[in-house]
């Protein structure tokens, strides 16, 4: 009975999500078959190179999903995150959320070279990011979804947007929800996309305050499991070790499943932004419990939320350009 009630609640939450997203971002401009004639092997090429990269290093799957996320939350899904510094561009790679943290750029370069060989000037870097995120998810056991395509690449970047608009591990829940809502995403998207933390690693600097001074009183976060906190302190001291890495999902860090949500229920969510999904809102807590209870429901919502996120303010038609090199504009000097 509890499960069916949880599902009913979740379904009620999903309806406004779908309606709101369609109003804000019409889907007709992007569609999965966009390259079927202009570059019929595009999806196959992306999948093949992503598979090689993930086989070489499983963590790359999480890195490529995150790259798409950090792209879409700044100026929309336009590959602005891939641009290097130049005379006209201050790269988003230097922002607080991205510096020494965002990775996978070389894999995108590899994919772009292969696509430029197969079909020059056809497949955008923004679409590469969207496809690579889906393929990465599937390769480590997550859900498949059809990726709407047809995005074009930006002619600029926004380090201010990157610093201000990407949800941070220490943001309050209302702040995180607001950052999503500004882009036409809702609470279901917040919790479902947070579930991407079922794979990947996080740096000590992203959660240190939870271990030593969560509320400014010199004490650990009371919502953190005591033995888990002790385990984390061994590799994340009060000072130093900023870049020491820890699994976001302590149980199955390389498999896309619903243990992330089960961990949160056990007080073993790594980031503050993970734990507050359970402790700061009845609405998000209901979703955490529903996903912990039903992996299929989580997969269904994650796939839908990735489509929703991938549809944030895309450049289409004659907007932007199709970059030949994802790191720089075509008129680069």
C-alpha atoms as a PDB file:
ATOM      1  CA  UNK A   1       0.000   0.000   0.000  1.00  0.00           C
ATOM      2  CA  UNK A   2       2.820   2.386   0.935  1.00  0.00           C
ATOM      3  CA  UNK A   3       4.465   1.764  -2.408  1.00  0.00           C
ATOM      4  CA  UNK A   4       1.321   2.441  -4.421  1.00  0.00           C
ATOM      5  CA  UNK A   5       0.666   5.648  -2.439  1.00  0.00           C
ATOM      6  CA  UNK A   6       4.243   6.735  -3.106  1.00  0.00           C
ATOM      7  CA  UNK A   7       3.808   6.061  -6.806  1.00  0.00           C
ATOM      8  CA  UNK A   8       0.557   8.031  -6.865  1.00  0.00           C
ATOM      9  CA  UNK A   9       2.328  10.981  -5.265  1.00  0.00           C
ATOM     10  CA  UNK A  10       5.167  10.724  -7.745  1.00  0.00           C
ATOM     11  CA  UNK A  11       2.775  10.579 -10.696  1.00  0.00           C
ATOM     12  CA  UNK A  12       1.002  13.705  -9.413  1.00  0.00           C
ATOM     13  CA  UNK A  13       4.363  15.455  -9.342  1.00  0.00           C
ATOM     14  CA  UNK A  14       5.238  14.390 -12.876  1.00  0.00           C
ATOM     15  CA  UNK A  15       2.162  15.848 -14.605  1.00  0.00           C
ATOM     16  CA  UNK A  16       3.034  19.527 -14.025  1.00  0.00           C
ATOM     17  CA  UNK A  17       6.633  18.732 -14.958  1.00  0.00           C
ATOM     18  CA  UNK A  18       5.681  17.539 -18.420  1.00  0.00           C
ATOM     19  CA  UNK A  19       3.204  20.312 -19.058  1.00  0.00           C
ATOM     20  CA  UNK A  20       5.578  23.034 -17.837  1.00  0.00           C
ATOM     21  CA  UNK A  21       8.485  21.774 -19.907  1.00  0.00           C
ATOM     22  CA  UNK A  22       6.499  21.616 -23.122  1.00  0.00           C
ATOM     23  CA  UNK A  23       5.300  25.181 -22.634  1.00  0.00           C
ATOM     24  CA  UNK A  24       8.776  26.520 -21.838  1.00  0.00           C
ATOM     25  CA  UNK A  25      10.714  24.588 -24.459  1.00  0.00           C
ATOM     26  CA  UNK A  26       8.781  23.193 -27.432  1.00  0.00           C
ATOM     27  CA  UNK A  27      10.218  19.816 -28.365  1.00  0.00           C
ATOM     28  CA  UNK A  28       9.404  20.017 -32.062  1.00  0.00           C
ATOM     29  CA  UNK A  29      12.752  21.661 -32.891  1.00  0.00           C
ATOM     30  CA  UNK A  30      14.786  18.649 -31.678  1.00  0.00           C
ATOM     31  CA  UNK A  31      14.136  15.062 -32.736  1.00  0.00           C
ATOM     32  CA  UNK A  32      16.087  11.764 -32.485  1.00  0.00           C
ATOM     33  CA  UNK A  33      16.264  11.197 -36.276  1.00  0.00           C
ATOM     34  CA  UNK A  34      17.910  14.574 -36.994  1.00  0.00           C
ATOM     35  CA  UNK A  35      21.121  13.044 -38.455  1.00  0.00           C
ATOM     36  CA  UNK A  36      19.609   9.942 -40.050  1.00  0.00           C
ATOM     37  CA  UNK A  37      20.266  11.288 -43.575  1.00  0.00           C
ATOM     38  CA  UNK A  38      23.048  13.856 -43.079  1.00  0.00           C
ATOM     39  CA  UNK A  39      25.251  11.586 -40.916  1.00  0.00           C
ATOM     40  CA  UNK A  40      23.668   8.139 -40.604  1.00  0.00           C
ATOM     41  CA  UNK A  41      26.502   6.659 -38.526  1.00  0.00           C
ATOM     42  CA  UNK A  42      26.663   9.568 -36.042  1.00  0.00           C
ATOM     43  CA  UNK A  43      25.101   7.722 -33.100  1.00  0.00           C
ATOM     44  CA  UNK A  44      27.174   4.608 -33.795  1.00  0.00           C
ATOM     45  CA  UNK A  45      30.422   6.642 -33.858  1.00  0.00           C
ATOM     46  CA  UNK A  46      29.621   8.387 -30.560  1.00  0.00           C
ATOM     47  CA  UNK A  47      28.623   5.133 -28.869  1.00  0.00           C
ATOM     48  CA  UNK A  48      31.766   3.324 -30.031  1.00  0.00           C
ATOM     49  CA  UNK A  49      34.192   5.947 -28.707  1.00  0.00           C
ATOM     50  CA  UNK A  50      32.304   6.381 -25.430  1.00  0.00           C
ATOM     51  CA  UNK A  51      32.368   2.590 -24.968  1.00  0.00           C
ATOM     52  CA  UNK A  52      36.156   2.539 -25.444  1.00  0.00           C
ATOM     53  CA  UNK A  53      36.619   5.391 -22.965  1.00  0.00           C
ATOM     54  CA  UNK A  54      34.394   3.810 -20.302  1.00  0.00           C
ATOM     55  CA  UNK A  55      36.058   0.406 -20.775  1.00  0.00           C
ATOM     56  CA  UNK A  56      39.391   2.106 -20.141  1.00  0.00           C
ATOM     57  CA  UNK A  57      38.125   4.018 -17.080  1.00  0.00           C
ATOM     58  CA  UNK A  58      34.668   3.358 -15.638  1.00  0.00           C
ATOM     59  CA  UNK A  59      34.610   6.764 -13.950  1.00  0.00           C
ATOM     60  CA  UNK A  60      34.458   8.399 -17.389  1.00  0.00           C
ATOM     61  CA  UNK A  61      30.755   7.477 -17.607  1.00  0.00           C
ATOM     62  CA  UNK A  62      29.942   9.769 -14.684  1.00  0.00           C
ATOM     63  CA  UNK A  63      32.246  12.475 -16.048  1.00  0.00           C
ATOM     64  CA  UNK A  64      30.448  12.568 -19.412  1.00  0.00           C
ATOM     65  CA  UNK A  65      27.002  12.711 -17.795  1.00  0.00           C
ATOM     66  CA  UNK A  66      28.201  15.593 -15.624  1.00  0.00           C
ATOM     67  CA  UNK A  67      29.684  17.415 -18.616  1.00  0.00           C
ATOM     68  CA  UNK A  68      26.244  17.499 -20.281  1.00  0.00           C
ATOM     69  CA  UNK A  69      24.655  18.696 -17.018  1.00  0.00           C
ATOM     70  CA  UNK A  70      27.184  21.523 -16.549  1.00  0.00           C
ATOM     71  CA  UNK A  71      26.702  22.540 -20.169  1.00  0.00           C
ATOM     72  CA  UNK A  72      22.902  22.691 -20.065  1.00  0.00           C
ATOM     73  CA  UNK A  73      22.683  24.695 -16.836  1.00  0.00           C
ATOM     74  CA  UNK A  74      24.697  27.562 -18.360  1.00  0.00           C
ATOM     75  CA  UNK A  75      23.160  29.292 -21.400  1.00  0.00           C
ATOM     76  CA  UNK A  76      21.309  26.107 -22.322  1.00  0.00           C
ATOM     77  CA  UNK A  77      22.630  22.941 -24.010  1.00  0.00           C
ATOM     78  CA  UNK A  78      24.982  24.664 -26.458  1.00  0.00           C
ATOM     79  CA  UNK A  79      28.465  23.204 -25.777  1.00  0.00           C
ATOM     80  CA  UNK A  80      29.610  26.513 -24.256  1.00  0.00           C
ATOM     81  CA  UNK A  81      31.333  24.478 -21.527  1.00  0.00           C
ATOM     82  CA  UNK A  82      33.756  23.021 -24.099  1.00  0.00           C
ATOM     83  CA  UNK A  83      35.229  26.342 -25.246  1.00  0.00           C
ATOM     84  CA  UNK A  84      38.820  27.090 -24.195  1.00  0.00           C
ATOM     85  CA  UNK A  85      40.104  30.560 -23.300  1.00  0.00           C
ATOM     86  CA  UNK A  86      40.752  32.800 -26.295  1.00  0.00           C
ATOM     87  CA  UNK A  87      41.012  36.507 -27.067  1.00  0.00           C
ATOM     88  CA  UNK A  88      37.195  36.730 -27.077  1.00  0.00           C
ATOM     89  CA  UNK A  89      36.242  33.949 -24.611  1.00  0.00           C
ATOM     90  CA  UNK A  90      36.673  33.446 -20.883  1.00  0.00           C
ATOM     91  CA  UNK A  91      36.264  29.691 -20.576  1.00  0.00           C
ATOM     92  CA  UNK A  92      33.684  28.136 -18.255  1.00  0.00           C
ATOM     93  CA  UNK A  93      36.340  25.519 -17.471  1.00  0.00           C
ATOM     94  CA  UNK A  94      37.845  27.980 -14.972  1.00  0.00           C
ATOM     95  CA  UNK A  95      34.665  28.425 -12.903  1.00  0.00           C
ATOM     96  CA  UNK A  96      34.383  27.191  -9.309  1.00  0.00           C
ATOM     97  CA  UNK A  97      32.195  24.147 -10.161  1.00  0.00           C
ATOM     98  CA  UNK A  98      34.433  23.131 -13.087  1.00  0.00           C
ATOM     99  CA  UNK A  99      38.068  23.934 -12.225  1.00  0.00           C
ATOM    100  CA  UNK A 100      40.113  20.787 -11.435  1.00  0.00           C
ATOM    101  CA  UNK A 101      36.835  18.879 -11.477  1.00  0.00           C
ATOM    102  CA  UNK A 102      35.115  18.719 -14.868  1.00  0.00           C
ATOM    103  CA  UNK A 103      36.629  16.103 -17.175  1.00  0.00           C
ATOM    104  CA  UNK A 104      36.010  14.101 -20.355  1.00  0.00           C
ATOM    105  CA  UNK A 105      37.071  16.839 -22.792  1.00  0.00           C
ATOM    106  CA  UNK A 106      39.554  14.559 -24.582  1.00  0.00           C
ATOM    107  CA  UNK A 107      36.832  11.964 -25.196  1.00  0.00           C
ATOM    108  CA  UNK A 108      34.647  14.659 -26.783  1.00  0.00           C
ATOM    109  CA  UNK A 109      37.637  15.723 -28.935  1.00  0.00           C
ATOM    110  CA  UNK A 110      38.051  12.132 -30.133  1.00  0.00           C
ATOM    111  CA  UNK A 111      34.370  11.861 -31.021  1.00  0.00           C
ATOM    112  CA  UNK A 112      34.466  15.180 -32.868  1.00  0.00           C
ATOM    113  CA  UNK A 113      37.485  14.169 -34.970  1.00  0.00           C
ATOM    114  CA  UNK A 114      35.745  10.920 -35.960  1.00  0.00           C
ATOM    115  CA  UNK A 115      32.508  12.730 -36.854  1.00  0.00           C
ATOM    116  CA  UNK A 116      34.324  15.427 -38.853  1.00  0.00           C
ATOM    117  CA  UNK A 117      35.976  12.650 -40.857  1.00  0.00           C
ATOM    118  CA  UNK A 118      32.657  10.870 -41.475  1.00  0.00           C
ATOM    119  CA  UNK A 119      30.471  13.941 -42.096  1.00  0.00           C
ATOM    120  CA  UNK A 120      32.306  17.281 -41.970  1.00  0.00           C
ATOM    121  CA  UNK A 121      30.520  20.250 -40.400  1.00  0.00           C
ATOM    122  CA  UNK A 122      27.368  18.278 -39.592  1.00  0.00           C
ATOM    123  CA  UNK A 123      27.121  17.066 -35.981  1.00  0.00           C
ATOM    124  CA  UNK A 124      27.241  19.699 -33.236  1.00  0.00           C
ATOM    125  CA  UNK A 125      29.350  19.460 -30.103  1.00  0.00           C
ATOM    126  CA  UNK A 126      26.176  20.070 -28.064  1.00  0.00           C
ATOM    127  CA  UNK A 127      24.598  16.951 -29.568  1.00  0.00           C
ATOM    128  CA  UNK A 128      27.797  14.983 -28.901  1.00  0.00           C
ATOM    129  CA  UNK A 129      27.437  15.840 -25.200  1.00  0.00           C
ATOM    130  CA  UNK A 130      23.777  14.754 -25.153  1.00  0.00           C
ATOM    131  CA  UNK A 131      24.505  11.432 -26.881  1.00  0.00           C
ATOM    132  CA  UNK A 132      27.622  10.720 -24.810  1.00  0.00           C
ATOM    133  CA  UNK A 133      25.650  11.234 -21.582  1.00  0.00           C
ATOM    134  CA  UNK A 134      22.987   8.744 -22.685  1.00  0.00           C
ATOM    135  CA  UNK A 135      25.533   6.176 -23.920  1.00  0.00           C
ATOM    136  CA  UNK A 136      27.551   6.495 -20.688  1.00  0.00           C
ATOM    137  CA  UNK A 137      24.436   5.865 -18.596  1.00  0.00           C
ATOM    138  CA  UNK A 138      23.522   2.743 -20.573  1.00  0.00           C
ATOM    139  CA  UNK A 139      27.077   1.351 -20.497  1.00  0.00           C
ATOM    140  CA  UNK A 140      27.110   1.239 -16.683  1.00  0.00           C
ATOM    141  CA  UNK A 141      23.670  -0.332 -16.351  1.00  0.00           C
ATOM    142  CA  UNK A 142      21.324   2.655 -16.508  1.00  0.00           C
ATOM    143  CA  UNK A 143      18.261   3.335 -18.669  1.00  0.00           C
ATOM    144  CA  UNK A 144      18.203   4.019 -22.409  1.00  0.00           C
ATOM    145  CA  UNK A 145      16.324   6.955 -23.906  1.00  0.00           C
ATOM    146  CA  UNK A 146      15.988   8.393 -27.392  1.00  0.00           C
ATOM    147  CA  UNK A 147      18.025  11.604 -27.482  1.00  0.00           C
ATOM    148  CA  UNK A 148      16.324  14.488 -29.322  1.00  0.00           C
ATOM    149  CA  UNK A 149      18.957  16.024 -31.629  1.00  0.00           C
ATOM    150  CA  UNK A 150      19.465  19.141 -33.722  1.00  0.00           C
ATOM    151  CA  UNK A 151      21.219  21.468 -31.267  1.00  0.00           C
ATOM    152  CA  UNK A 152      23.794  23.915 -32.568  1.00  0.00           C
ATOM    153  CA  UNK A 153      26.887  25.244 -30.806  1.00  0.00           C
ATOM    154  CA  UNK A 154      27.202  28.556 -28.986  1.00  0.00           C
ATOM    155  CA  UNK A 155      29.325  31.491 -30.125  1.00  0.00           C
ATOM    156  CA  UNK A 156      30.282  32.352 -26.550  1.00  0.00           C
ATOM    157  CA  UNK A 157      30.640  31.176 -22.965  1.00  0.00           C
ATOM    158  CA  UNK A 158      29.583  32.518 -19.563  1.00  0.00           C
ATOM    159  CA  UNK A 159      31.900  32.025 -16.612  1.00  0.00           C
ATOM    160  CA  UNK A 160      29.486  34.107 -14.510  1.00  0.00           C
ATOM    161  CA  UNK A 161      26.661  31.735 -15.393  1.00  0.00           C
ATOM    162  CA  UNK A 162      28.873  28.767 -14.622  1.00  0.00           C
ATOM    163  CA  UNK A 163      29.771  30.187 -11.202  1.00  0.00           C
ATOM    164  CA  UNK A 164      26.196  31.159 -10.313  1.00  0.00           C
ATOM    165  CA  UNK A 165      23.710  28.842 -12.052  1.00  0.00           C
ATOM    166  CA  UNK A 166      25.046  25.307 -11.508  1.00  0.00           C
ATOM    167  CA  UNK A 167      23.632  23.740  -8.315  1.00  0.00           C
ATOM    168  CA  UNK A 168      26.385  23.420  -5.679  1.00  0.00           C
ATOM    169  CA  UNK A 169      26.895  20.710  -3.012  1.00  0.00           C
ATOM    170  CA  UNK A 170      26.388  23.238  -0.197  1.00  0.00           C
ATOM    171  CA  UNK A 171      23.359  25.041  -1.672  1.00  0.00           C
ATOM    172  CA  UNK A 172      20.129  24.951   0.335  1.00  0.00           C
ATOM    173  CA  UNK A 173      17.301  22.886  -1.114  1.00  0.00           C
ATOM    174  CA  UNK A 174      15.199  25.991  -2.003  1.00  0.00           C
ATOM    175  CA  UNK A 175      18.222  27.404  -3.878  1.00  0.00           C
ATOM    176  CA  UNK A 176      18.717  24.167  -5.820  1.00  0.00           C
ATOM    177  CA  UNK A 177      15.009  23.935  -6.685  1.00  0.00           C
ATOM    178  CA  UNK A 178      15.039  27.587  -7.829  1.00  0.00           C
ATOM    179  CA  UNK A 179      18.048  26.957 -10.086  1.00  0.00           C
ATOM    180  CA  UNK A 180      16.133  24.095 -11.725  1.00  0.00           C
ATOM    181  CA  UNK A 181      12.834  25.992 -11.964  1.00  0.00           C
ATOM    182  CA  UNK A 182      14.459  28.934 -13.745  1.00  0.00           C
ATOM    183  CA  UNK A 183      15.219  26.495 -16.565  1.00  0.00           C
ATOM    184  CA  UNK A 184      11.732  24.965 -16.727  1.00  0.00           C
ATOM    185  CA  UNK A 185      12.638  21.932 -14.603  1.00  0.00           C
ATOM    186  CA  UNK A 186      10.788  20.934 -11.442  1.00  0.00           C
ATOM    187  CA  UNK A 187      11.151  18.943  -8.233  1.00  0.00           C
ATOM    188  CA  UNK A 188      10.922  15.559  -9.973  1.00  0.00           C
ATOM    189  CA  UNK A 189      13.857  16.614 -12.153  1.00  0.00           C
ATOM    190  CA  UNK A 190      15.818  17.741  -9.076  1.00  0.00           C
ATOM    191  CA  UNK A 191      15.547  14.357  -7.370  1.00  0.00           C
ATOM    192  CA  UNK A 192      15.745  12.161 -10.482  1.00  0.00           C
ATOM    193  CA  UNK A 193      18.814  13.957 -11.863  1.00  0.00           C
ATOM    194  CA  UNK A 194      20.459  13.912  -8.422  1.00  0.00           C
ATOM    195  CA  UNK A 195      20.235  10.147  -8.848  1.00  0.00           C
ATOM    196  CA  UNK A 196      23.038  10.498 -11.390  1.00  0.00           C
ATOM    197  CA  UNK A 197      25.231  10.472  -8.260  1.00  0.00           C
ATOM    198  CA  UNK A 198      24.751   6.703  -8.226  1.00  0.00           C
ATOM    199  CA  UNK A 199      27.989   6.696 -10.251  1.00  0.00           C
ATOM    200  CA  UNK A 200      31.159   8.739 -10.008  1.00  0.00           C
ATOM    201  CA  UNK A 201      33.420  10.307  -7.412  1.00  0.00           C
ATOM    202  CA  UNK A 202      33.496  13.552  -5.460  1.00  0.00           C
ATOM    203  CA  UNK A 203      36.352  15.568  -4.014  1.00  0.00           C
ATOM    204  CA  UNK A 204      36.912  16.010  -0.269  1.00  0.00           C
ATOM    205  CA  UNK A 205      36.477  19.766  -0.656  1.00  0.00           C
ATOM    206  CA  UNK A 206      32.856  19.218  -1.761  1.00  0.00           C
ATOM    207  CA  UNK A 207      31.730  17.662   1.541  1.00  0.00           C
ATOM    208  CA  UNK A 208      34.383  18.529   4.169  1.00  0.00           C
ATOM    209  CA  UNK A 209      32.096  20.921   6.037  1.00  0.00           C
ATOM    210  CA  UNK A 210      29.675  18.047   6.722  1.00  0.00           C
ATOM    211  CA  UNK A 211      32.407  16.223   8.610  1.00  0.00           C
ATOM    212  CA  UNK A 212      33.689  19.052  10.796  1.00  0.00           C
ATOM    213  CA  UNK A 213      31.498  22.149  10.845  1.00  0.00           C
ATOM    214  CA  UNK A 214      28.123  21.731   9.146  1.00  0.00           C
ATOM    215  CA  UNK A 215      26.234  24.318  11.196  1.00  0.00           C
ATOM    216  CA  UNK A 216      29.091  26.599  12.222  1.00  0.00           C
ATOM    217  CA  UNK A 217      29.349  24.915  15.648  1.00  0.00           C
ATOM    218  CA  UNK A 218      32.378  22.747  14.901  1.00  0.00           C
ATOM    219  CA  UNK A 219      30.277  19.568  14.794  1.00  0.00           C
ATOM    220  CA  UNK A 220      29.592  17.015  12.058  1.00  0.00           C
ATOM    221  CA  UNK A 221      26.278  16.983  10.234  1.00  0.00           C
ATOM    222  CA  UNK A 222      23.837  15.210  12.565  1.00  0.00           C
ATOM    223  CA  UNK A 223      22.077  13.586   9.585  1.00  0.00           C
ATOM    224  CA  UNK A 224      25.301  11.771   8.586  1.00  0.00           C
ATOM    225  CA  UNK A 225      25.691   8.149   9.732  1.00  0.00           C
ATOM    226  CA  UNK A 226      28.345   8.194  12.493  1.00  0.00           C
ATOM    227  CA  UNK A 227      30.417   5.258  11.216  1.00  0.00           C
ATOM    228  CA  UNK A 228      30.270   6.582   7.641  1.00  0.00           C
ATOM    229  CA  UNK A 229      31.437  10.014   8.837  1.00  0.00           C
ATOM    230  CA  UNK A 230      34.368   8.405  10.692  1.00  0.00           C
ATOM    231  CA  UNK A 231      35.306   6.483   7.550  1.00  0.00           C
ATOM    232  CA  UNK A 232      35.229   9.686   5.461  1.00  0.00           C
ATOM    233  CA  UNK A 233      37.367  11.625   7.964  1.00  0.00           C
ATOM    234  CA  UNK A 234      40.213   9.149   7.447  1.00  0.00           C
ATOM    235  CA  UNK A 235      40.689  10.371   3.877  1.00  0.00           C
ATOM    236  CA  UNK A 236      39.280  13.900   4.197  1.00  0.00           C
ATOM    237  CA  UNK A 237      41.125  15.755   6.985  1.00  0.00           C
ATOM    238  CA  UNK A 238      40.225  19.207   8.345  1.00  0.00           C
ATOM    239  CA  UNK A 239      42.801  20.727   6.024  1.00  0.00           C
ATOM    240  CA  UNK A 240      44.667  19.340   3.014  1.00  0.00           C
ATOM    241  CA  UNK A 241      43.598  16.513   0.744  1.00  0.00           C
ATOM    242  CA  UNK A 242      41.121  18.743  -1.115  1.00  0.00           C
ATOM    243  CA  UNK A 243      41.272  16.583  -4.246  1.00  0.00           C
ATOM    244  CA  UNK A 244      41.077  13.194  -2.494  1.00  0.00           C
ATOM    245  CA  UNK A 245      38.265  11.279  -4.197  1.00  0.00           C
ATOM    246  CA  UNK A 246      35.349   9.389  -2.650  1.00  0.00           C
ATOM    247  CA  UNK A 247      32.498   7.430  -4.275  1.00  0.00           C
ATOM    248  CA  UNK A 248      29.178   9.298  -4.363  1.00  0.00           C
ATOM    249  CA  UNK A 249      27.501   5.904  -3.946  1.00  0.00           C
ATOM    250  CA  UNK A 250      29.475   4.010  -1.305  1.00  0.00           C
ATOM    251  CA  UNK A 251      27.848   0.644  -2.167  1.00  0.00           C
ATOM    252  CA  UNK A 252      27.952   0.356  -5.991  1.00  0.00           C
ATOM    253  CA  UNK A 253      29.989   3.318  -7.249  1.00  0.00           C
ATOM    254  CA  UNK A 254      30.461   2.036 -10.817  1.00  0.00           C
ATOM    255  CA  UNK A 255      26.937   0.714 -11.430  1.00  0.00           C
ATOM    256  CA  UNK A 256      23.936   2.831 -12.361  1.00  0.00           C
ATOM    257  CA  UNK A 257      21.244   1.683  -9.924  1.00  0.00           C
ATOM    258  CA  UNK A 258      19.107   3.062  -7.090  1.00  0.00           C
ATOM    259  CA  UNK A 259      21.572   2.529  -4.215  1.00  0.00           C
ATOM    260  CA  UNK A 260      22.159   6.288  -4.154  1.00  0.00           C
ATOM    261  CA  UNK A 261      18.629   6.679  -2.767  1.00  0.00           C
ATOM    262  CA  UNK A 262      18.959   3.708  -0.403  1.00  0.00           C
ATOM    263  CA  UNK A 263      22.171   5.257   0.929  1.00  0.00           C
ATOM    264  CA  UNK A 264      20.416   8.576   1.617  1.00  0.00           C
ATOM    265  CA  UNK A 265      17.770   6.740   3.675  1.00  0.00           C
ATOM    266  CA  UNK A 266      20.627   5.196   5.708  1.00  0.00           C
ATOM    267  CA  UNK A 267      22.329   8.565   6.356  1.00  0.00           C
ATOM    268  CA  UNK A 268      25.047   7.715   3.858  1.00  0.00           C
ATOM    269  CA  UNK A 269      24.475  10.344   1.187  1.00  0.00           C
ATOM    270  CA  UNK A 270      27.886  11.928   0.598  1.00  0.00           C
ATOM    271  CA  UNK A 271      27.031  15.527  -0.254  1.00  0.00           C
ATOM    272  CA  UNK A 272      24.854  17.914   1.728  1.00  0.00           C
ATOM    273  CA  UNK A 273      22.830  18.380  -1.482  1.00  0.00           C
ATOM    274  CA  UNK A 274      22.144  14.619  -1.441  1.00  0.00           C
ATOM    275  CA  UNK A 275      21.062  14.392   2.199  1.00  0.00           C
ATOM    276  CA  UNK A 276      18.756  17.438   2.159  1.00  0.00           C
ATOM    277  CA  UNK A 277      16.549  15.717  -0.431  1.00  0.00           C
ATOM    278  CA  UNK A 278      15.405  13.541   2.476  1.00  0.00           C
ATOM    279  CA  UNK A 279      15.559  15.946   5.407  1.00  0.00           C
ATOM    280  CA  UNK A 280      14.368  19.337   4.122  1.00  0.00           C
ATOM    281  CA  UNK A 281      11.203  18.650   2.108  1.00  0.00           C
ATOM    282  CA  UNK A 282       8.350  16.153   2.325  1.00  0.00           C
ATOM    283  CA  UNK A 283       7.950  16.355  -1.454  1.00  0.00           C
ATOM    284  CA  UNK A 284      11.568  15.442  -2.259  1.00  0.00           C
ATOM    285  CA  UNK A 285      11.667  12.888   0.572  1.00  0.00           C
ATOM    286  CA  UNK A 286       8.676  11.064  -0.954  1.00  0.00           C
ATOM    287  CA  UNK A 287      10.571  10.810  -4.251  1.00  0.00           C
ATOM    288  CA  UNK A 288      13.752   9.559  -2.535  1.00  0.00           C
ATOM    289  CA  UNK A 289      11.720   6.803  -0.861  1.00  0.00           C
ATOM    290  CA  UNK A 290       9.846   5.930  -4.061  1.00  0.00           C
ATOM    291  CA  UNK A 291      13.097   5.614  -6.064  1.00  0.00           C
ATOM    292  CA  UNK A 292      14.801   3.611  -3.295  1.00  0.00           C
ATOM    293  CA  UNK A 293      11.829   1.250  -3.400  1.00  0.00           C
ATOM    294  CA  UNK A 294      11.443   0.975  -7.196  1.00  0.00           C
ATOM    295  CA  UNK A 295      14.488   1.088  -9.486  1.00  0.00           C
ATOM    296  CA  UNK A 296      12.263   0.986 -12.587  1.00  0.00           C
ATOM    297  CA  UNK A 297      10.430   4.124 -11.506  1.00  0.00           C
ATOM    298  CA  UNK A 298      13.779   5.871 -10.940  1.00  0.00           C
ATOM    299  CA  UNK A 299      15.075   4.776 -14.365  1.00  0.00           C
ATOM    300  CA  UNK A 300      11.883   5.983 -16.059  1.00  0.00           C
ATOM    301  CA  UNK A 301      12.041   9.391 -14.373  1.00  0.00           C
ATOM    302  CA  UNK A 302      15.795   9.787 -14.852  1.00  0.00           C
ATOM    303  CA  UNK A 303      15.473   9.127 -18.594  1.00  0.00           C
ATOM    304  CA  UNK A 304      12.604  11.632 -18.897  1.00  0.00           C
ATOM    305  CA  UNK A 305      14.467  14.237 -16.835  1.00  0.00           C
ATOM    306  CA  UNK A 306      17.570  13.867 -19.022  1.00  0.00           C
ATOM    307  CA  UNK A 307      15.413  14.594 -22.078  1.00  0.00           C
ATOM    308  CA  UNK A 308      13.900  17.585 -20.254  1.00  0.00           C
ATOM    309  CA  UNK A 309      17.340  18.869 -19.270  1.00  0.00           C
ATOM    310  CA  UNK A 310      18.722  18.305 -22.770  1.00  0.00           C
ATOM    311  CA  UNK A 311      15.967  20.531 -24.086  1.00  0.00           C
ATOM    312  CA  UNK A 312      16.984  23.637 -22.116  1.00  0.00           C
ATOM    313  CA  UNK A 313      17.225  26.583 -24.530  1.00  0.00           C
ATOM    314  CA  UNK A 314      18.892  24.786 -27.449  1.00  0.00           C
ATOM    315  CA  UNK A 315      20.212  26.774 -30.388  1.00  0.00           C
ATOM    316  CA  UNK A 316      18.537  25.522 -33.572  1.00  0.00           C
ATOM    317  CA  UNK A 317      18.107  26.389 -37.239  1.00  0.00           C
ATOM    318  CA  UNK A 318      20.501  29.173 -38.202  1.00  0.00           C
ATOM    319  CA  UNK A 319      21.464  30.057 -34.609  1.00  0.00           C
ATOM    320  CA  UNK A 320      25.037  29.490 -33.459  1.00  0.00           C
ATOM    321  CA  UNK A 321      27.232  27.230 -35.597  1.00  0.00           C
ATOM    322  CA  UNK A 322      28.475  23.660 -35.969  1.00  0.00           C
ATOM    323  CA  UNK A 323      31.992  23.870 -34.539  1.00  0.00           C
ATOM    324  CA  UNK A 324      34.729  21.966 -36.364  1.00  0.00           C
ATOM    325  CA  UNK A 325      36.710  21.831 -33.124  1.00  0.00           C
ATOM    326  CA  UNK A 326      34.647  21.750 -29.920  1.00  0.00           C
ATOM    327  CA  UNK A 327      37.217  23.837 -28.031  1.00  0.00           C
ATOM    328  CA  UNK A 328      37.043  26.902 -30.272  1.00  0.00           C
ATOM    329  CA  UNK A 329      34.822  28.908 -32.587  1.00  0.00           C
ATOM    330  CA  UNK A 330      35.110  28.381 -36.334  1.00  0.00           C
ATOM    331  CA  UNK A 331      36.383  31.938 -36.808  1.00  0.00           C
ATOM    332  CA  UNK A 332      39.052  31.402 -34.123  1.00  0.00           C
ATOM    333  CA  UNK A 333      42.194  33.518 -34.525  1.00  0.00           C
END
